[in-house]
Amino acid sequence: MYTGMLHTHTTVVLLFVVLYLIKTVLLFVNVTKLEAFAKKTRVPEMIISTLFLLTGLYLALNTPSVSAGSWFWVKLAAVFASIPLAVIGFKRKRKPLALLSLLLLFYAYGISETKSPRMKKADFYEALAGADKQSTEGFDPMSDSYDPLAHGAALYANNCAVCHGADGALGAAGAKNLQGSMLDKNEMAAMILKGKNGMPGFKGALNDEEVFAVVAYVKAKISSTNPH
């Protein structure tokens, strides 16, 4: 259900932004056409707005990564602030207010894509582990004493446990149960790098050695707990 809500939310957000973009352009170039367009799209806009808010609230209550930072709440604040500004701006033909509303929506979209109020993806990855972040210093893949499982355990705790859980079966935010994973090591590594649905891709956040350390840990300590 989470994945379906996520896809629905993404779709209605894009429709919402496109709708407000068209109305803002019309406000600046042809007020008469704006009024005609607003009249024709009044019902669809109400439906889109309702779905926007409902799916957003569902995600807010069911996304554990919210606890990793303030990005989701800043995004919601930007969206909620944009709506009254747009209503006043379009109704009273106040161009600065309409433009500000549109900019807030673009900002909210940028936050959603980067999961950071500063629109820097590194902030999100840094905050994932929270106060329980484990040290990953001292792990050298070129060293004879290198332990990929210990390295992978620390990386998993910092980047994956918030959704998958320590045992891989938490299933938060639509996360797959890793105990039943049928992916081979290369497929799992590709999934970690690219992400899927609610799972962010870690390309740029984890290097190849770190990714395969996580894979080794999951394969040895989590997937193996539920033989298949």
Protein backbone atom coordinates (compact mmCIF):
# COMPACT_ATOMS: atom_id res chain seq x y z
CA MET A 1 0.00 0.00 0.00
CA TYR A 2 2.85 2.37 0.83
CA THR A 3 4.34 2.05 -2.66
CA GLY A 4 0.96 2.74 -4.26
CA MET A 5 0.48 5.81 -2.09
CA LEU A 6 3.97 7.01 -2.98
CA HIS A 7 3.34 6.70 -6.72
CA THR A 8 -0.06 8.39 -6.37
CA HIS A 9 1.46 11.22 -4.36
CA THR A 10 4.23 11.75 -6.91
CA THR A 11 1.70 11.87 -9.76
CA VAL A 12 -0.64 14.34 -8.08
CA VAL A 13 2.28 16.54 -7.01
CA LEU A 14 3.40 16.82 -10.63
CA LEU A 15 -0.16 17.58 -11.75
CA PHE A 16 -0.50 20.15 -8.98
CA VAL A 17 2.73 21.91 -9.99
CA VAL A 18 1.81 21.88 -13.70
CA LEU A 19 -1.64 23.28 -12.91
CA TYR A 20 -0.22 26.12 -10.85
CA LEU A 21 2.47 26.81 -13.45
CA ILE A 22 -0.17 27.22 -16.18
CA LYS A 23 -2.29 29.47 -13.98
CA THR A 24 0.71 31.63 -13.05
CA VAL A 25 1.72 32.06 -16.69
CA LEU A 26 -1.85 32.99 -17.62
CA LEU A 27 -1.99 35.50 -14.76
CA PHE A 28 1.00 37.28 -16.26
CA VAL A 29 -0.05 37.11 -19.92
CA ASN A 30 -3.85 36.89 -20.15
CA VAL A 31 -6.16 37.32 -17.15
CA THR A 32 -9.26 36.51 -19.21
CA LYS A 33 -7.86 33.14 -20.20
CA LEU A 34 -6.84 32.55 -16.60
CA GLU A 35 -10.43 33.01 -15.43
CA ALA A 36 -11.72 30.64 -18.12
CA PHE A 37 -9.05 28.07 -17.31
CA ALA A 38 -9.70 28.31 -13.56
CA LYS A 39 -13.42 27.77 -14.13
CA LYS A 40 -12.86 24.67 -16.26
CA THR A 41 -10.33 23.13 -13.89
CA ARG A 42 -12.03 23.95 -10.58
CA VAL A 43 -13.29 20.41 -9.92
CA PRO A 44 -10.11 18.61 -11.12
CA GLU A 45 -8.05 21.01 -8.99
CA MET A 46 -10.13 20.17 -5.91
CA ILE A 47 -9.64 16.45 -6.55
CA ILE A 48 -5.90 16.86 -7.11
CA SER A 49 -5.54 19.04 -4.01
CA THR A 50 -7.42 16.55 -1.86
CA LEU A 51 -5.34 13.62 -3.11
CA PHE A 52 -2.20 15.70 -2.64
CA LEU A 53 -2.99 16.34 1.02
CA LEU A 54 -4.32 12.87 1.85
CA THR A 55 -1.44 10.97 0.29
CA GLY A 56 1.04 13.43 1.78
CA LEU A 57 -0.37 12.91 5.27
CA TYR A 58 -0.32 9.13 4.81
CA LEU A 59 3.35 9.25 3.83
CA ALA A 60 4.13 11.60 6.70
CA LEU A 61 2.69 9.11 9.17
CA ASN A 62 4.24 6.03 7.57
CA THR A 63 7.70 7.15 6.49
CA PRO A 64 10.34 6.37 9.11
CA SER A 65 12.91 8.49 7.31
CA VAL A 66 10.97 11.52 8.56
CA SER A 67 12.63 10.88 11.89
CA ALA A 68 16.02 11.15 10.19
CA GLY A 69 15.55 14.83 9.58
CA SER A 70 13.19 17.73 9.11
CA TRP A 71 12.95 17.54 5.31
CA PHE A 72 9.44 16.04 5.13
CA TRP A 73 7.94 18.58 7.50
CA VAL A 74 9.66 21.50 5.74
CA LYS A 75 8.26 20.19 2.48
CA LEU A 76 4.74 19.99 3.91
CA ALA A 77 5.08 23.48 5.38
CA ALA A 78 6.10 24.84 1.98
CA VAL A 79 3.11 23.16 0.33
CA PHE A 80 0.61 24.34 2.94
CA ALA A 81 2.01 27.89 2.72
CA SER A 82 1.75 27.89 -1.06
CA ILE A 83 -1.98 27.08 -1.15
CA PRO A 84 -3.41 30.22 0.55
CA LEU A 85 -0.90 32.38 -1.30
CA ALA A 86 -2.10 30.90 -4.59
CA VAL A 87 -5.78 31.32 -3.68
CA ILE A 88 -5.28 35.00 -2.84
CA GLY A 89 -2.89 35.59 -5.73
CA PHE A 90 -5.15 34.15 -8.43
CA LYS A 91 -8.40 35.47 -6.97
CA ARG A 92 -7.15 39.03 -6.47
CA LYS A 93 -4.75 38.95 -9.42
CA ARG A 94 -1.73 39.52 -7.19
CA LYS A 95 1.17 38.39 -9.35
CA PRO A 96 3.86 38.45 -6.64
CA LEU A 97 1.79 36.15 -4.40
CA ALA A 98 1.05 33.72 -7.23
CA LEU A 99 4.72 33.65 -8.20
CA LEU A 100 5.78 33.11 -4.59
CA SER A 101 3.30 30.23 -4.33
CA LEU A 102 4.78 28.61 -7.43
CA LEU A 103 8.32 29.04 -6.13
CA LEU A 104 7.32 27.37 -2.86
CA LEU A 105 5.94 24.42 -4.81
CA PHE A 106 9.17 24.09 -6.79
CA TYR A 107 11.09 24.27 -3.51
CA ALA A 108 8.88 21.56 -2.02
CA TYR A 109 9.50 19.39 -5.09
CA GLY A 110 13.26 19.95 -4.75
CA ILE A 111 13.12 18.91 -1.09
CA SER A 112 11.16 15.79 -2.03
CA GLU A 113 13.77 14.78 -4.61
CA THR A 114 16.78 15.37 -2.35
CA LYS A 115 15.15 14.72 1.06
CA SER A 116 16.93 17.80 2.38
CA PRO A 117 15.70 21.34 3.19
CA ARG A 118 18.98 22.55 1.67
CA MET A 119 18.31 20.33 -1.37
CA LYS A 120 21.55 18.46 -0.78
CA LYS A 121 21.22 14.67 -0.84
CA ALA A 122 24.25 14.27 1.41
CA ASP A 123 22.23 15.73 4.31
CA PHE A 124 19.71 12.90 4.15
CA TYR A 125 22.28 10.13 4.06
CA GLU A 126 24.18 11.75 6.91
CA ALA A 127 21.05 11.86 9.06
CA LEU A 128 19.74 8.33 8.38
CA ALA A 129 21.46 6.66 11.31
CA GLY A 130 20.50 9.36 13.79
CA ALA A 131 22.11 9.32 17.24
CA ASP A 132 23.03 5.62 16.94
CA LYS A 133 25.37 6.10 14.01
CA GLN A 134 28.19 3.57 14.03
CA SER A 135 31.75 4.37 13.07
CA THR A 136 32.92 3.04 9.72
CA GLU A 137 36.45 4.36 10.11
CA GLY A 138 39.32 1.91 10.08
CA PHE A 139 37.86 -0.49 7.53
CA ASP A 140 40.40 -0.88 4.72
CA PRO A 141 39.41 -3.35 1.98
CA MET A 142 43.09 -3.58 1.00
CA SER A 143 44.14 -4.73 4.47
CA ASP A 144 44.73 -8.41 5.26
CA SER A 145 42.67 -7.99 8.42
CA TYR A 146 39.71 -6.45 6.63
CA ASP A 147 36.39 -7.92 7.77
CA PRO A 148 33.65 -7.18 5.18
CA LEU A 149 30.92 -8.51 7.48
CA ALA A 150 31.86 -6.13 10.31
CA HIS A 151 32.10 -3.28 7.82
CA GLY A 152 28.78 -4.25 6.27
CA ALA A 153 27.12 -4.48 9.69
CA ALA A 154 28.06 -0.89 10.53
CA LEU A 155 27.00 0.39 7.11
CA TYR A 156 23.71 -1.53 7.29
CA ALA A 157 22.95 -0.09 10.74
CA ASN A 158 23.66 3.44 9.48
CA ASN A 159 21.85 3.32 6.16
CA CYS A 160 19.37 0.45 5.99
CA ALA A 161 18.04 -0.46 9.43
CA VAL A 162 15.70 2.55 9.65
CA CYS A 163 13.42 0.92 7.04
CA HIS A 164 14.49 -2.73 6.87
CA GLY A 165 15.05 -3.17 10.60
CA ALA A 166 17.97 -4.88 12.31
CA ASP A 167 16.64 -8.28 11.23
CA GLY A 168 15.70 -7.19 7.71
CA ALA A 169 12.00 -7.80 8.27
CA LEU A 170 10.70 -4.44 9.56
CA GLY A 171 9.08 -3.52 6.24
CA ALA A 172 8.75 0.18 7.00
CA ALA A 173 7.99 2.57 4.10
CA GLY A 174 7.38 -0.37 1.78
CA ALA A 175 10.84 -1.88 2.41
CA LYS A 176 11.17 -5.48 1.23
CA ASN A 177 11.73 -8.30 3.71
CA LEU A 178 15.41 -9.05 3.23
CA GLN A 179 15.04 -12.42 4.94
CA GLY A 180 13.21 -13.64 1.87
CA SER A 181 15.37 -11.90 -0.74
CA MET A 182 16.03 -13.97 -3.87
CA LEU A 183 18.46 -11.44 -5.37
CA ASP A 184 22.02 -12.51 -6.07
CA LYS A 185 24.88 -10.31 -4.89
CA ASN A 186 25.10 -8.30 -8.12
CA GLU A 187 21.35 -7.70 -8.27
CA MET A 188 21.32 -6.62 -4.64
CA ALA A 189 24.24 -4.25 -5.21
CA ALA A 190 22.46 -2.73 -8.20
CA MET A 191 19.31 -2.24 -6.10
CA ILE A 192 21.29 -0.46 -3.39
CA LEU A 193 22.92 1.86 -5.91
CA LYS A 194 19.81 2.68 -7.94
CA GLY A 195 17.05 2.40 -5.33
CA LYS A 196 13.44 1.53 -6.09
CA ASN A 197 10.05 2.93 -5.12
CA GLY A 198 10.45 4.42 -1.63
CA MET A 199 14.04 3.25 -1.29
CA PRO A 200 16.59 5.93 -2.25
CA GLY A 201 19.59 5.01 -4.37
CA PHE A 202 22.92 5.15 -2.57
CA LYS A 203 25.07 5.84 -5.62
CA GLY A 204 27.44 8.61 -4.59
CA ALA A 205 26.77 7.96 -0.90
CA LEU A 206 28.41 4.52 -0.77
CA ASN A 207 31.36 3.37 -2.89
CA ASP A 208 31.59 -0.08 -4.49
CA GLU A 209 33.49 -1.63 -1.59
CA GLU A 210 30.91 -0.35 0.89
CA VAL A 211 27.99 -1.58 -1.22
CA PHE A 212 29.42 -5.08 -1.46
CA ALA A 213 30.20 -5.06 2.26
CA VAL A 214 26.50 -4.40 2.90
CA VAL A 215 25.56 -7.15 0.45
CA ALA A 216 27.95 -9.59 2.15
CA TYR A 217 26.44 -8.77 5.55
CA VAL A 218 22.84 -9.14 4.33
CA LYS A 219 23.61 -12.42 2.58
CA ALA A 220 25.47 -13.89 5.54
CA LYS A 221 23.51 -12.57 8.52
CA ILE A 222 20.02 -11.70 7.31
CA SER A 223 18.99 -13.62 4.19
CA SER A 224 20.44 -16.78 5.68
CA THR A 225 18.06 -16.56 8.67
CA ASN A 226 15.20 -17.61 6.42
CA PRO A 227 16.52 -20.34 4.08
CA HIS A 228 14.90 -20.57 0.67
